[in-house]
Amino acid sequence: MRRDHCAGLELDPLRVGIYMNLGNAFHVSDRFAEANRAYRNVLELAPQRVGMHAHLAVNLVAQERGAEALAEALREQEEWARLWAVAIIQHAAYRRDESNAALGELIAKYAAASAYQVAEVYGARGEVDLAFAWLERACAQRDAGLAGMKQARTLRALHSDPRWETFLRMMGLAD
């Protein structure tokens, strides 16, 4: 990774959070190869970092590297993150039953803490009404994931819906 991407890396090249944030920024900017490198740096420095295998997996599926993405998702130790990634990956691979199974398990076990991730799965699947319903639920739960919703690739299907701008205004995220 080139160090000129982030001044924080010059000051502390071993700081995991910087690589994580950089990977997320590259991912939402469709700069997938750079996101891969940043996520892999996180995993090299902190192999047990929650969600990193899942984030790398979703980044890989965005590159149409489905088999590699699924293998990476299955390395995720945190179950809610693994289920989130698997539901997205299986949908992208046109495996509806497998996507539904992972999403169903995510909802059954983690609805109270992962409403935003459920909304992301529905958004990635293009199920806009369900995505908005789960965003509302995430809002009621004060889910921290909502802070990144405006940039989330998984929610792009919602951007053309008039409810999107209304929701952004309600969250204080409108332009």
N, C-alpha and C. Protein backbone atom coordinates (compact mmCIF):
# COMPACT_ATOMS: atom_id res chain seq x y z
N MET A 1 0.84 -1.18 0.00
CA MET A 1 0.00 0.00 0.00
C MET A 1 0.89 1.24 0.00
N ARG A 2 0.53 2.19 -0.83
CA ARG A 2 1.29 3.44 -0.85
C ARG A 2 0.96 4.24 0.40
N ARG A 3 1.98 4.78 1.01
CA ARG A 3 1.78 5.52 2.25
C ARG A 3 1.14 6.88 2.03
N ASP A 4 1.19 7.39 0.81
CA ASP A 4 0.63 8.73 0.60
C ASP A 4 -0.90 8.73 0.62
N HIS A 5 -1.53 7.57 0.76
CA HIS A 5 -2.99 7.52 0.85
C HIS A 5 -3.49 8.08 2.17
N CYS A 6 -2.68 8.01 3.19
CA CYS A 6 -3.17 8.39 4.50
C CYS A 6 -2.01 8.84 5.39
N ALA A 7 -2.08 10.08 5.82
CA ALA A 7 -1.00 10.61 6.66
C ALA A 7 -0.88 9.84 7.97
N GLY A 8 -2.00 9.28 8.46
CA GLY A 8 -1.96 8.52 9.70
C GLY A 8 -1.04 7.32 9.62
N LEU A 9 -0.91 6.75 8.44
CA LEU A 9 -0.02 5.60 8.27
C LEU A 9 1.43 6.01 8.42
N GLU A 10 1.73 7.24 8.04
CA GLU A 10 3.11 7.75 8.21
C GLU A 10 3.45 7.82 9.69
N LEU A 11 2.48 8.22 10.50
CA LEU A 11 2.71 8.37 11.93
C LEU A 11 2.70 7.03 12.66
N ASP A 12 1.84 6.12 12.23
CA ASP A 12 1.70 4.84 12.92
C ASP A 12 1.30 3.76 11.92
N PRO A 13 2.28 3.18 11.20
CA PRO A 13 1.97 2.20 10.16
C PRO A 13 1.40 0.88 10.67
N LEU A 14 1.35 0.69 11.97
CA LEU A 14 0.80 -0.54 12.53
C LEU A 14 -0.58 -0.34 13.15
N ARG A 15 -1.17 0.80 12.94
CA ARG A 15 -2.47 1.11 13.54
C ARG A 15 -3.59 0.46 12.72
N VAL A 16 -4.19 -0.54 13.28
CA VAL A 16 -5.18 -1.36 12.60
C VAL A 16 -6.39 -0.53 12.16
N GLY A 17 -6.86 0.36 13.01
CA GLY A 17 -8.05 1.15 12.69
C GLY A 17 -7.89 1.99 11.44
N ILE A 18 -6.69 2.47 11.20
CA ILE A 18 -6.46 3.27 10.00
C ILE A 18 -6.64 2.40 8.76
N TYR A 19 -6.08 1.20 8.77
CA TYR A 19 -6.25 0.30 7.62
C TYR A 19 -7.71 -0.09 7.43
N MET A 20 -8.41 -0.31 8.53
CA MET A 20 -9.81 -0.68 8.46
C MET A 20 -10.63 0.45 7.81
N ASN A 21 -10.43 1.67 8.29
CA ASN A 21 -11.15 2.81 7.74
C ASN A 21 -10.76 3.07 6.29
N LEU A 22 -9.50 2.89 5.99
CA LEU A 22 -9.03 3.06 4.62
C LEU A 22 -9.67 2.01 3.71
N GLY A 23 -9.74 0.77 4.16
CA GLY A 23 -10.39 -0.28 3.38
C GLY A 23 -11.84 0.04 3.12
N ASN A 24 -12.54 0.52 4.14
CA ASN A 24 -13.94 0.90 3.96
C ASN A 24 -14.09 2.05 2.97
N ALA A 25 -13.21 3.03 3.06
CA ALA A 25 -13.27 4.16 2.14
C ALA A 25 -13.01 3.72 0.70
N PHE A 26 -12.03 2.85 0.51
CA PHE A 26 -11.76 2.33 -0.83
C PHE A 26 -12.93 1.51 -1.34
N HIS A 27 -13.53 0.70 -0.48
CA HIS A 27 -14.65 -0.15 -0.89
C HIS A 27 -15.83 0.69 -1.39
N VAL A 28 -16.22 1.70 -0.62
CA VAL A 28 -17.37 2.51 -1.03
C VAL A 28 -17.06 3.37 -2.24
N SER A 29 -15.77 3.54 -2.54
CA SER A 29 -15.35 4.30 -3.73
C SER A 29 -15.11 3.38 -4.92
N ASP A 30 -15.47 2.10 -4.78
CA ASP A 30 -15.29 1.10 -5.84
C ASP A 30 -13.83 0.91 -6.21
N ARG A 31 -12.95 1.12 -5.28
CA ARG A 31 -11.51 0.89 -5.47
C ARG A 31 -11.16 -0.41 -4.75
N PHE A 32 -11.63 -1.50 -5.34
CA PHE A 32 -11.64 -2.80 -4.66
C PHE A 32 -10.26 -3.38 -4.41
N ALA A 33 -9.35 -3.26 -5.34
CA ALA A 33 -8.01 -3.82 -5.14
C ALA A 33 -7.33 -3.14 -3.96
N GLU A 34 -7.50 -1.83 -3.85
CA GLU A 34 -6.90 -1.10 -2.73
C GLU A 34 -7.59 -1.47 -1.42
N ALA A 35 -8.91 -1.68 -1.47
CA ALA A 35 -9.63 -2.12 -0.28
C ALA A 35 -9.14 -3.50 0.15
N ASN A 36 -8.92 -4.40 -0.82
CA ASN A 36 -8.39 -5.73 -0.50
C ASN A 36 -7.09 -5.61 0.28
N ARG A 37 -6.18 -4.78 -0.21
CA ARG A 37 -4.88 -4.63 0.46
C ARG A 37 -5.05 -4.08 1.87
N ALA A 38 -5.91 -3.10 2.03
CA ALA A 38 -6.11 -2.52 3.36
C ALA A 38 -6.72 -3.54 4.32
N TYR A 39 -7.75 -4.28 3.86
CA TYR A 39 -8.37 -5.29 4.72
C TYR A 39 -7.37 -6.40 5.06
N ARG A 40 -6.56 -6.79 4.10
CA ARG A 40 -5.56 -7.84 4.36
C ARG A 40 -4.50 -7.34 5.35
N ASN A 41 -4.19 -6.04 5.31
CA ASN A 41 -3.27 -5.48 6.31
C ASN A 41 -3.88 -5.58 7.71
N VAL A 42 -5.17 -5.31 7.81
CA VAL A 42 -5.84 -5.44 9.11
C VAL A 42 -5.70 -6.88 9.60
N LEU A 43 -5.99 -7.83 8.72
CA LEU A 43 -5.94 -9.24 9.12
C LEU A 43 -4.53 -9.69 9.45
N GLU A 44 -3.54 -9.11 8.80
CA GLU A 44 -2.15 -9.44 9.12
C GLU A 44 -1.78 -8.92 10.51
N LEU A 45 -2.23 -7.71 10.82
CA LEU A 45 -1.89 -7.08 12.10
C LEU A 45 -2.77 -7.57 13.25
N ALA A 46 -4.02 -7.88 12.94
CA ALA A 46 -4.98 -8.29 13.97
C ALA A 46 -5.88 -9.38 13.40
N PRO A 47 -5.39 -10.62 13.33
CA PRO A 47 -6.12 -11.70 12.66
C PRO A 47 -7.52 -11.97 13.22
N GLN A 48 -7.77 -11.62 14.46
CA GLN A 48 -9.08 -11.88 15.06
C GLN A 48 -10.00 -10.67 15.04
N ARG A 49 -9.66 -9.63 14.31
CA ARG A 49 -10.47 -8.41 14.26
C ARG A 49 -11.88 -8.74 13.79
N VAL A 50 -12.85 -8.41 14.59
CA VAL A 50 -14.25 -8.70 14.30
C VAL A 50 -14.68 -8.05 12.98
N GLY A 51 -15.26 -8.86 12.12
CA GLY A 51 -15.85 -8.37 10.89
C GLY A 51 -14.92 -8.23 9.70
N MET A 52 -13.63 -8.38 9.91
CA MET A 52 -12.69 -8.11 8.80
C MET A 52 -12.76 -9.16 7.70
N HIS A 53 -12.90 -10.42 8.06
CA HIS A 53 -13.05 -11.44 7.01
C HIS A 53 -14.35 -11.19 6.24
N ALA A 54 -15.40 -10.79 6.95
CA ALA A 54 -16.69 -10.52 6.31
C ALA A 54 -16.58 -9.32 5.38
N HIS A 55 -15.93 -8.26 5.83
CA HIS A 55 -15.77 -7.08 4.97
C HIS A 55 -14.93 -7.39 3.74
N LEU A 56 -13.86 -8.13 3.93
CA LEU A 56 -13.05 -8.54 2.79
C LEU A 56 -13.87 -9.40 1.84
N ALA A 57 -14.68 -10.29 2.38
CA ALA A 57 -15.53 -11.15 1.55
C ALA A 57 -16.51 -10.35 0.71
N VAL A 58 -17.16 -9.36 1.31
CA VAL A 58 -18.11 -8.54 0.56
C VAL A 58 -17.38 -7.71 -0.49
N ASN A 59 -16.18 -7.29 -0.17
CA ASN A 59 -15.36 -6.58 -1.16
C ASN A 59 -15.00 -7.50 -2.33
N LEU A 60 -14.67 -8.75 -2.04
CA LEU A 60 -14.35 -9.72 -3.09
C LEU A 60 -15.56 -10.02 -3.97
N VAL A 61 -16.73 -10.14 -3.37
CA VAL A 61 -17.92 -10.43 -4.18
C VAL A 61 -18.24 -9.25 -5.10
N ALA A 62 -17.92 -8.04 -4.68
CA ALA A 62 -18.11 -6.87 -5.54
C ALA A 62 -17.22 -6.93 -6.78
N GLN A 63 -16.17 -7.73 -6.69
CA GLN A 63 -15.25 -7.94 -7.81
C GLN A 63 -15.60 -9.20 -8.60
N GLU A 64 -16.76 -9.78 -8.28
CA GLU A 64 -17.23 -11.01 -8.92
C GLU A 64 -16.28 -12.18 -8.69
N ARG A 65 -15.75 -12.22 -7.48
CA ARG A 65 -14.86 -13.30 -7.05
C ARG A 65 -15.59 -14.12 -5.99
N GLY A 66 -16.74 -14.68 -6.41
CA GLY A 66 -17.67 -15.31 -5.49
C GLY A 66 -17.11 -16.46 -4.67
N ALA A 67 -16.40 -17.39 -5.30
CA ALA A 67 -15.88 -18.54 -4.56
C ALA A 67 -14.88 -18.09 -3.50
N GLU A 68 -14.02 -17.17 -3.88
CA GLU A 68 -13.03 -16.63 -2.93
C GLU A 68 -13.74 -15.86 -1.81
N ALA A 69 -14.78 -15.13 -2.19
CA ALA A 69 -15.55 -14.35 -1.21
C ALA A 69 -16.20 -15.27 -0.17
N LEU A 70 -16.81 -16.34 -0.66
CA LEU A 70 -17.47 -17.27 0.27
C LEU A 70 -16.45 -17.93 1.20
N ALA A 71 -15.32 -18.33 0.66
CA ALA A 71 -14.28 -18.94 1.50
C ALA A 71 -13.81 -17.95 2.57
N GLU A 72 -13.66 -16.69 2.19
CA GLU A 72 -13.23 -15.66 3.15
C GLU A 72 -14.31 -15.43 4.21
N ALA A 73 -15.56 -15.38 3.80
CA ALA A 73 -16.67 -15.17 4.75
C ALA A 73 -16.71 -16.29 5.78
N LEU A 74 -16.46 -17.51 5.34
CA LEU A 74 -16.52 -18.64 6.26
C LEU A 74 -15.36 -18.63 7.26
N ARG A 75 -14.35 -17.81 7.04
CA ARG A 75 -13.26 -17.64 8.01
C ARG A 75 -13.64 -16.69 9.15
N GLU A 76 -14.72 -15.94 8.94
CA GLU A 76 -15.16 -14.96 9.94
C GLU A 76 -15.61 -15.68 11.21
N GLN A 77 -15.01 -15.31 12.34
CA GLN A 77 -15.32 -15.94 13.62
C GLN A 77 -16.61 -15.41 14.24
N GLU A 78 -16.93 -14.16 13.97
CA GLU A 78 -18.12 -13.53 14.55
C GLU A 78 -19.33 -13.93 13.72
N GLU A 79 -20.25 -14.67 14.33
CA GLU A 79 -21.35 -15.27 13.56
C GLU A 79 -22.22 -14.25 12.84
N TRP A 80 -22.59 -13.16 13.50
CA TRP A 80 -23.48 -12.20 12.84
C TRP A 80 -22.82 -11.64 11.58
N ALA A 81 -21.52 -11.37 11.64
CA ALA A 81 -20.80 -10.83 10.49
C ALA A 81 -20.70 -11.87 9.38
N ARG A 82 -20.47 -13.11 9.76
CA ARG A 82 -20.40 -14.19 8.77
C ARG A 82 -21.74 -14.36 8.07
N LEU A 83 -22.83 -14.37 8.82
CA LEU A 83 -24.16 -14.52 8.23
C LEU A 83 -24.49 -13.37 7.29
N TRP A 84 -24.14 -12.15 7.70
CA TRP A 84 -24.35 -10.96 6.86
C TRP A 84 -23.64 -11.12 5.53
N ALA A 85 -22.36 -11.48 5.57
CA ALA A 85 -21.58 -11.64 4.35
C ALA A 85 -22.10 -12.79 3.49
N VAL A 86 -22.38 -13.92 4.11
CA VAL A 86 -22.85 -15.09 3.36
C VAL A 86 -24.18 -14.78 2.67
N ALA A 87 -25.09 -14.09 3.33
CA ALA A 87 -26.37 -13.75 2.71
C ALA A 87 -26.16 -12.90 1.47
N ILE A 88 -25.24 -11.96 1.52
CA ILE A 88 -24.95 -11.09 0.38
C ILE A 88 -24.26 -11.88 -0.74
N ILE A 89 -23.29 -12.68 -0.37
CA ILE A 89 -22.53 -13.46 -1.35
C ILE A 89 -23.42 -14.47 -2.06
N GLN A 90 -24.24 -15.18 -1.30
CA GLN A 90 -25.12 -16.18 -1.91
C GLN A 90 -26.15 -15.54 -2.84
N HIS A 91 -26.62 -14.37 -2.47
CA HIS A 91 -27.54 -13.66 -3.37
C HIS A 91 -26.84 -13.31 -4.68
N ALA A 92 -25.62 -12.81 -4.58
CA ALA A 92 -24.87 -12.44 -5.78
C ALA A 92 -24.60 -13.65 -6.67
N ALA A 93 -24.54 -14.83 -6.06
CA ALA A 93 -24.29 -16.07 -6.81
C ALA A 93 -25.60 -16.73 -7.28
N TYR A 94 -26.71 -16.01 -7.11
CA TYR A 94 -28.04 -16.52 -7.51
C TYR A 94 -28.43 -17.78 -6.75
N ARG A 95 -27.98 -17.87 -5.51
CA ARG A 95 -28.36 -18.98 -4.64
C ARG A 95 -29.35 -18.45 -3.61
N ARG A 96 -30.57 -18.27 -4.04
CA ARG A 96 -31.62 -17.64 -3.23
C ARG A 96 -31.87 -18.40 -1.92
N ASP A 97 -31.96 -19.72 -2.00
CA ASP A 97 -32.25 -20.50 -0.78
C ASP A 97 -31.15 -20.32 0.26
N GLU A 98 -29.89 -20.36 -0.19
CA GLU A 98 -28.77 -20.20 0.74
C GLU A 98 -28.72 -18.78 1.31
N SER A 99 -29.02 -17.79 0.46
CA SER A 99 -29.07 -16.41 0.93
C SER A 99 -30.19 -16.25 1.96
N ASN A 100 -31.36 -16.81 1.66
CA ASN A 100 -32.48 -16.74 2.61
C ASN A 100 -32.15 -17.43 3.92
N ALA A 101 -31.46 -18.56 3.85
CA ALA A 101 -31.11 -19.29 5.08
C ALA A 101 -30.19 -18.45 5.96
N ALA A 102 -29.17 -17.86 5.35
CA ALA A 102 -28.24 -17.03 6.13
C ALA A 102 -28.95 -15.80 6.70
N LEU A 103 -29.78 -15.16 5.87
CA LEU A 103 -30.52 -13.98 6.33
C LEU A 103 -31.49 -14.36 7.44
N GLY A 104 -32.17 -15.48 7.27
CA GLY A 104 -33.11 -15.93 8.30
C GLY A 104 -32.43 -16.19 9.63
N GLU A 105 -31.26 -16.78 9.57
CA GLU A 105 -30.50 -17.04 10.80
C GLU A 105 -30.00 -15.73 11.42
N LEU A 106 -29.57 -14.79 10.57
CA LEU A 106 -29.14 -13.48 11.06
C LEU A 106 -30.28 -12.80 11.81
N ILE A 107 -31.46 -12.84 11.22
CA ILE A 107 -32.64 -12.21 11.85
C ILE A 107 -33.02 -12.95 13.13
N ALA A 108 -33.07 -14.28 13.07
CA ALA A 108 -33.50 -15.06 14.23
C ALA A 108 -32.59 -14.86 15.44
N LYS A 109 -31.30 -14.76 15.19
CA LYS A 109 -30.35 -14.70 16.29
C LYS A 109 -29.92 -13.28 16.67
N TYR A 110 -29.94 -12.35 15.70
CA TYR A 110 -29.28 -11.07 15.94
C TYR A 110 -30.12 -9.84 15.58
N ALA A 111 -31.41 -9.99 15.43
CA ALA A 111 -32.26 -8.86 15.03
C ALA A 111 -32.14 -7.69 16.00
N ALA A 112 -31.97 -7.98 17.26
CA ALA A 112 -31.92 -6.91 18.27
C ALA A 112 -30.63 -6.11 18.21
N ALA A 113 -29.58 -6.67 17.63
CA ALA A 113 -28.29 -5.96 17.60
C ALA A 113 -27.78 -5.70 16.19
N SER A 114 -28.40 -6.29 15.18
CA SER A 114 -27.87 -6.18 13.81
C SER A 114 -28.92 -5.76 12.80
N ALA A 115 -29.83 -4.90 13.20
CA ALA A 115 -30.88 -4.46 12.28
C ALA A 115 -30.28 -3.76 11.06
N TYR A 116 -29.23 -3.00 11.25
CA TYR A 116 -28.61 -2.32 10.11
C TYR A 116 -28.05 -3.33 9.11
N GLN A 117 -27.41 -4.38 9.60
CA GLN A 117 -26.86 -5.39 8.70
C GLN A 117 -27.98 -6.12 7.95
N VAL A 118 -29.10 -6.35 8.60
CA VAL A 118 -30.24 -6.95 7.92
C VAL A 118 -30.72 -6.02 6.81
N ALA A 119 -30.80 -4.73 7.10
CA ALA A 119 -31.18 -3.74 6.08
C ALA A 119 -30.21 -3.78 4.91
N GLU A 120 -28.92 -3.92 5.21
CA GLU A 120 -27.92 -3.98 4.14
C GLU A 120 -28.13 -5.21 3.24
N VAL A 121 -28.44 -6.34 3.85
CA VAL A 121 -28.68 -7.54 3.05
C VAL A 121 -29.87 -7.32 2.13
N TYR A 122 -30.96 -6.80 2.69
CA TYR A 122 -32.13 -6.53 1.86
C TYR A 122 -31.80 -5.51 0.77
N GLY A 123 -31.02 -4.51 1.10
CA GLY A 123 -30.62 -3.53 0.09
C GLY A 123 -29.80 -4.16 -1.01
N ALA A 124 -28.84 -5.01 -0.64
CA ALA A 124 -28.00 -5.70 -1.63
C ALA A 124 -28.84 -6.60 -2.52
N ARG A 125 -29.92 -7.13 -1.97
CA ARG A 125 -30.81 -8.00 -2.73
C ARG A 125 -31.84 -7.21 -3.54
N GLY A 126 -31.84 -5.90 -3.39
CA GLY A 126 -32.79 -5.06 -4.13
C GLY A 126 -34.19 -5.08 -3.55
N GLU A 127 -34.34 -5.55 -2.33
CA GLU A 127 -35.64 -5.61 -1.66
C GLU A 127 -35.81 -4.32 -0.85
N VAL A 128 -36.19 -3.28 -1.57
CA VAL A 128 -36.16 -1.93 -1.04
C VAL A 128 -37.11 -1.72 0.14
N ASP A 129 -38.34 -2.21 0.04
CA ASP A 129 -39.30 -2.01 1.13
C ASP A 129 -38.80 -2.64 2.42
N LEU A 130 -38.28 -3.86 2.33
CA LEU A 130 -37.75 -4.53 3.52
C LEU A 130 -36.50 -3.83 4.04
N ALA A 131 -35.68 -3.32 3.14
CA ALA A 131 -34.48 -2.58 3.58
C ALA A 131 -34.90 -1.35 4.38
N PHE A 132 -35.89 -0.60 3.88
CA PHE A 132 -36.34 0.58 4.63
C PHE A 132 -36.95 0.18 5.98
N ALA A 133 -37.70 -0.90 6.02
CA ALA A 133 -38.30 -1.34 7.28
C ALA A 133 -37.20 -1.65 8.30
N TRP A 134 -36.12 -2.29 7.85
CA TRP A 134 -35.04 -2.61 8.78
C TRP A 134 -34.18 -1.40 9.11
N LEU A 135 -34.10 -0.43 8.21
CA LEU A 135 -33.42 0.83 8.56
C LEU A 135 -34.19 1.56 9.66
N GLU A 136 -35.51 1.54 9.55
CA GLU A 136 -36.35 2.15 10.61
C GLU A 136 -36.10 1.45 11.94
N ARG A 137 -36.03 0.16 11.89
CA ARG A 137 -35.77 -0.62 13.10
C ARG A 137 -34.38 -0.29 13.65
N ALA A 138 -33.40 -0.20 12.76
CA ALA A 138 -32.04 0.16 13.19
C ALA A 138 -32.03 1.54 13.84
N CYS A 139 -32.80 2.44 13.29
CA CYS A 139 -32.90 3.79 13.86
C CYS A 139 -33.48 3.73 15.27
N ALA A 140 -34.55 2.97 15.44
CA ALA A 140 -35.17 2.83 16.77
C ALA A 140 -34.20 2.20 17.77
N GLN A 141 -33.32 1.33 17.27
CA GLN A 141 -32.34 0.68 18.14
C GLN A 141 -31.07 1.51 18.32
N ARG A 142 -31.01 2.64 17.63
CA ARG A 142 -29.82 3.50 17.66
C ARG A 142 -28.58 2.73 17.21
N ASP A 143 -28.74 1.98 16.14
CA ASP A 143 -27.68 1.14 15.59
C ASP A 143 -26.57 2.03 15.04
N ALA A 144 -25.35 1.80 15.48
CA ALA A 144 -24.20 2.61 15.07
C ALA A 144 -23.89 2.47 13.58
N GLY A 145 -24.30 1.38 12.96
CA GLY A 145 -24.06 1.18 11.54
C GLY A 145 -24.68 2.25 10.67
N LEU A 146 -25.73 2.88 11.16
CA LEU A 146 -26.42 3.91 10.38
C LEU A 146 -25.51 5.08 10.01
N ALA A 147 -24.46 5.29 10.76
CA ALA A 147 -23.55 6.40 10.47
C ALA A 147 -22.92 6.28 9.09
N GLY A 148 -22.76 5.07 8.60
CA GLY A 148 -22.15 4.86 7.29
C GLY A 148 -23.13 4.56 6.19
N MET A 149 -24.41 4.69 6.45
CA MET A 149 -25.42 4.28 5.48
C MET A 149 -25.38 5.07 4.17
N LYS A 150 -25.02 6.31 4.24
CA LYS A 150 -25.04 7.16 3.04
C LYS A 150 -24.03 6.66 2.01
N GLN A 151 -22.93 6.11 2.45
CA GLN A 151 -21.89 5.62 1.55
C GLN A 151 -22.01 4.14 1.24
N ALA A 152 -22.81 3.40 1.97
CA ALA A 152 -22.85 1.94 1.85
C ALA A 152 -23.23 1.48 0.45
N ARG A 153 -22.38 0.67 -0.15
CA ARG A 153 -22.66 0.09 -1.48
C ARG A 153 -23.90 -0.80 -1.40
N THR A 154 -24.11 -1.45 -0.29
CA THR A 154 -25.23 -2.37 -0.13
C THR A 154 -26.58 -1.67 -0.16
N LEU A 155 -26.59 -0.38 0.06
CA LEU A 155 -27.86 0.36 0.09
C LEU A 155 -28.07 1.21 -1.16
N ARG A 156 -27.26 1.06 -2.16
CA ARG A 156 -27.40 1.88 -3.38
C ARG A 156 -28.74 1.70 -4.07
N ALA A 157 -29.35 0.53 -3.95
CA ALA A 157 -30.65 0.30 -4.57
C ALA A 157 -31.74 1.21 -3.99
N LEU A 158 -31.48 1.76 -2.83
CA LEU A 158 -32.46 2.62 -2.16
C LEU A 158 -32.37 4.07 -2.60
N HIS A 159 -31.27 4.46 -3.22
CA HIS A 159 -31.01 5.87 -3.50
C HIS A 159 -32.04 6.51 -4.43
N SER A 160 -32.64 5.76 -5.32
CA SER A 160 -33.62 6.34 -6.25
C SER A 160 -35.03 6.38 -5.66
N ASP A 161 -35.20 5.81 -4.51
CA ASP A 161 -36.51 5.81 -3.84
C ASP A 161 -36.67 7.12 -3.08
N PRO A 162 -37.84 7.77 -3.18
CA PRO A 162 -38.04 9.05 -2.47
C PRO A 162 -37.87 8.93 -0.95
N ARG A 163 -38.06 7.76 -0.41
CA ARG A 163 -37.89 7.57 1.04
C ARG A 163 -36.45 7.75 1.48
N TRP A 164 -35.51 7.56 0.54
CA TRP A 164 -34.09 7.66 0.88
C TRP A 164 -33.75 9.04 1.40
N GLU A 165 -34.09 10.08 0.65
CA GLU A 165 -33.78 11.45 1.08
C GLU A 165 -34.52 11.79 2.37
N THR A 166 -35.75 11.34 2.50
CA THR A 166 -36.51 11.57 3.73
C THR A 166 -35.80 10.94 4.92
N PHE A 167 -35.34 9.72 4.74
CA PHE A 167 -34.65 9.02 5.82
C PHE A 167 -33.34 9.72 6.16
N LEU A 168 -32.60 10.13 5.12
CA LEU A 168 -31.33 10.85 5.37
C LEU A 168 -31.59 12.14 6.16
N ARG A 169 -32.64 12.87 5.80
CA ARG A 169 -32.97 14.10 6.54
C ARG A 169 -33.30 13.78 7.99
N MET A 170 -34.09 12.73 8.20
CA MET A 170 -34.48 12.34 9.55
C MET A 170 -33.22 11.99 10.38
N MET A 171 -32.23 11.38 9.72
CA MET A 171 -31.01 10.98 10.41
C MET A 171 -30.01 12.15 10.53
N GLY A 172 -30.30 13.27 9.89
CA GLY A 172 -29.36 14.40 9.89
C GLY A 172 -28.20 14.18 8.96
N LEU A 173 -28.41 13.36 7.91
CA LEU A 173 -27.33 13.04 6.97
C LEU A 173 -27.55 13.59 5.58
N ALA A 174 -28.64 14.34 5.38
CA ALA A 174 -28.94 14.89 4.05
C ALA A 174 -27.93 15.98 3.71
N ASP A 175 -27.73 16.16 2.39
CA ASP A 175 -26.80 17.21 1.92
C ASP A 175 -27.34 18.59 2.20
